[in-house]
Protein backbone atom coordinates (compact mmCIF):
# COMPACT_ATOMS: atom_id res chain seq x y z
CA UNK A 1 149.80 49.39 170.67
CA UNK A 2 152.36 47.28 172.54
CA UNK A 3 151.82 48.05 176.25
CA UNK A 4 155.51 47.42 176.93
CA UNK A 5 156.48 50.22 174.51
CA UNK A 6 158.10 53.09 176.44
CA UNK A 7 155.80 55.71 174.87
CA UNK A 8 152.87 53.93 176.49
CA UNK A 9 154.54 53.16 179.83
CA UNK A 10 152.63 54.47 182.85
CA UNK A 11 155.08 55.76 185.45
CA UNK A 12 154.79 54.49 189.02
CA UNK A 13 153.55 56.91 191.68
CA UNK A 14 156.46 57.71 194.01
CA UNK A 15 155.86 55.72 197.24
CA UNK A 16 156.58 58.72 199.45
CA UNK A 17 153.43 60.37 198.09
CA UNK A 18 151.14 57.56 199.27
CA UNK A 19 149.67 57.33 202.76
CA UNK A 20 147.55 54.64 204.36
CA UNK A 21 144.65 57.07 204.77
CA UNK A 22 144.67 57.96 201.06
CA UNK A 23 144.51 54.32 200.10
CA UNK A 24 141.84 53.31 202.62
CA UNK A 25 138.71 52.37 200.72
CA UNK A 26 136.48 49.36 201.19
CA UNK A 27 137.32 46.71 198.61
CA UNK A 28 135.30 43.76 197.35
CA UNK A 29 136.78 40.81 195.49
CA UNK A 30 134.86 39.74 192.39
CA UNK A 31 136.18 36.87 190.26
CA UNK A 32 139.61 37.20 191.89
CA UNK A 33 140.00 40.95 191.34
CA UNK A 34 139.62 43.62 194.02
CA UNK A 35 137.29 46.56 193.28
CA UNK A 36 136.64 49.87 195.10
CA UNK A 37 133.34 50.74 193.41
CA UNK A 38 131.92 51.74 190.07
CA UNK A 39 131.90 54.85 187.94
CA UNK A 40 128.94 56.23 186.00
CA UNK A 41 129.35 58.80 183.26
CA UNK A 42 125.79 59.43 182.02
CA UNK A 43 126.80 61.70 179.11
CA UNK A 44 128.87 58.86 177.64
CA UNK A 45 126.50 56.06 178.66
CA UNK A 46 129.23 54.37 180.72
CA UNK A 47 128.92 52.26 183.88
CA UNK A 48 132.33 50.88 184.82
CA UNK A 49 133.66 48.85 187.74
CA UNK A 50 136.86 50.31 189.21
CA UNK A 51 139.72 48.08 190.29
CA UNK A 52 141.46 48.96 193.55
CA UNK A 53 144.92 48.89 191.93
CA UNK A 54 146.16 48.75 188.38
CA UNK A 55 148.31 46.33 186.46
CA UNK A 56 148.68 46.17 182.70
CA UNK A 57 146.78 42.85 182.47
CA UNK A 58 143.96 44.09 184.74
CA UNK A 59 143.55 47.30 182.71
CA UNK A 60 142.44 45.11 179.82
CA UNK A 61 139.44 44.17 182.01
CA UNK A 62 138.52 47.38 183.79
CA UNK A 63 139.56 50.93 184.69
CA UNK A 64 141.50 51.20 187.94
CA UNK A 65 142.61 53.49 190.73
CA UNK A 66 145.98 55.06 190.03
CA UNK A 67 146.20 57.12 193.21
CA UNK A 68 144.24 58.51 196.14
CA UNK A 69 140.73 58.00 197.44
CA UNK A 70 137.30 59.58 197.47
CA UNK A 71 137.71 60.48 201.12
CA UNK A 72 141.07 62.07 200.43
CA UNK A 73 139.39 64.14 197.69
CA UNK A 74 142.18 63.12 195.35
CA UNK A 75 141.00 60.01 193.51
CA UNK A 76 142.81 59.44 190.21
CA UNK A 77 141.50 56.79 187.82
CA UNK A 78 143.09 55.44 184.67
CA UNK A 79 141.88 53.21 181.88
CA UNK A 80 142.73 52.16 178.36
CA UNK A 81 141.25 54.25 175.58
CA UNK A 82 138.86 51.47 174.55
CA UNK A 83 135.44 52.89 173.62
CA UNK A 84 133.96 50.85 176.50
CA UNK A 85 136.50 52.27 178.99
CA UNK A 86 137.86 55.86 178.84
CA UNK A 87 138.14 56.17 175.05
CA UNK A 88 135.44 58.86 174.92
CA UNK A 89 136.38 61.00 177.95
CA UNK A 90 137.80 63.67 175.62
CA UNK A 91 134.15 64.30 174.63
CA UNK A 92 133.23 65.40 178.16
CA UNK A 93 132.58 69.09 178.67
CA UNK A 94 132.49 71.42 181.64
CA UNK A 95 129.54 70.63 183.90
CA UNK A 96 129.06 67.01 182.76
CA UNK A 97 128.17 64.66 185.60
CA UNK A 98 130.45 61.87 186.84
CA UNK A 99 129.26 59.61 189.67
CA UNK A 100 131.37 57.23 191.75
CA UNK A 101 129.67 54.71 194.05
CA UNK A 102 132.04 53.10 196.53
CA UNK A 103 131.74 49.60 197.94
CA UNK A 104 130.08 50.99 201.07
CA UNK A 105 127.24 52.25 198.86
CA UNK A 106 128.18 55.92 199.27
CA UNK A 107 127.50 57.95 196.14
CA UNK A 108 130.03 60.66 195.31
CA UNK A 109 128.82 63.14 192.70
CA UNK A 110 131.24 65.17 190.60
CA UNK A 111 131.13 67.52 187.67
CA UNK A 112 133.73 68.06 184.98
CA UNK A 113 135.71 71.25 185.54
CA UNK A 114 138.31 71.09 182.78
CA UNK A 115 140.38 68.74 180.66
CA UNK A 116 143.90 68.73 179.31
CA UNK A 117 146.34 66.79 177.14
CA UNK A 118 149.46 65.91 179.14
CA UNK A 119 152.84 64.40 178.51
CA UNK A 120 152.95 60.66 179.44
CA UNK A 121 155.39 61.34 182.30
CA UNK A 122 153.33 64.13 183.91
CA UNK A 123 152.70 62.19 187.14
CA UNK A 124 152.99 65.21 189.43
CA UNK A 125 150.42 67.20 187.42
CA UNK A 126 147.97 64.31 187.62
CA UNK A 127 148.26 63.47 191.32
CA UNK A 128 148.91 66.85 192.89
CA UNK A 129 146.12 68.86 191.33
CA UNK A 130 143.39 70.56 193.33
CA UNK A 131 140.67 68.33 191.88
CA UNK A 132 138.58 65.77 193.75
CA UNK A 133 138.51 63.28 190.85
CA UNK A 134 140.88 62.96 187.90
CA UNK A 135 140.51 60.49 185.04
CA UNK A 136 143.10 59.83 182.36
CA UNK A 137 143.77 57.64 179.36
CA UNK A 138 146.11 57.59 176.38
CA UNK A 139 145.43 59.43 173.21
CA UNK A 140 145.27 57.18 170.16
CA UNK A 141 148.85 56.19 169.46
CA UNK A 142 149.82 56.56 173.13
CA UNK A 143 151.94 59.71 172.81
CA UNK A 144 149.90 61.82 175.27
CA UNK A 145 147.30 61.51 178.04
CA UNK A 146 143.76 62.85 177.87
CA UNK A 147 143.10 64.06 181.41
CA UNK A 148 139.71 65.11 182.80
CA UNK A 149 139.47 66.97 186.11
CA UNK A 150 136.31 66.96 188.24
CA UNK A 151 135.18 68.55 191.49
CA UNK A 152 132.74 67.06 193.94
CA UNK A 153 129.22 68.50 194.04
CA UNK A 154 128.20 69.14 197.64
């Protein structure tokens, strides 16, 4: 899939929706890339570093933050649908565990609430939901987005 193809294009988050507080997370630079933590999805056997911001070239290396923060209870992560990234998130089911460990060492535990298939341009649905953690990737062929919504376990 050509990442420059319009069907695969990831729309930018409107700047007016971003605040400094939402973006504030400790970052650590590793091999020239800035990371905010790592994600564990035990059901899928995945342990993934999470980049602080996304670019098409960086998404080839690792999943990334698309929007929000753990403290803002609105973290949205995206990744390619590679089997070693988010390619298997459509297999997650309600109640599955998802764990995010930030660069301060704080562990944030979530469970899957629901999932959906969205239109590629559905930015508002992805970033304005009432979920603490959202993960999305393309379906094979790039025509839609597999989106998994999680709530924090307190």
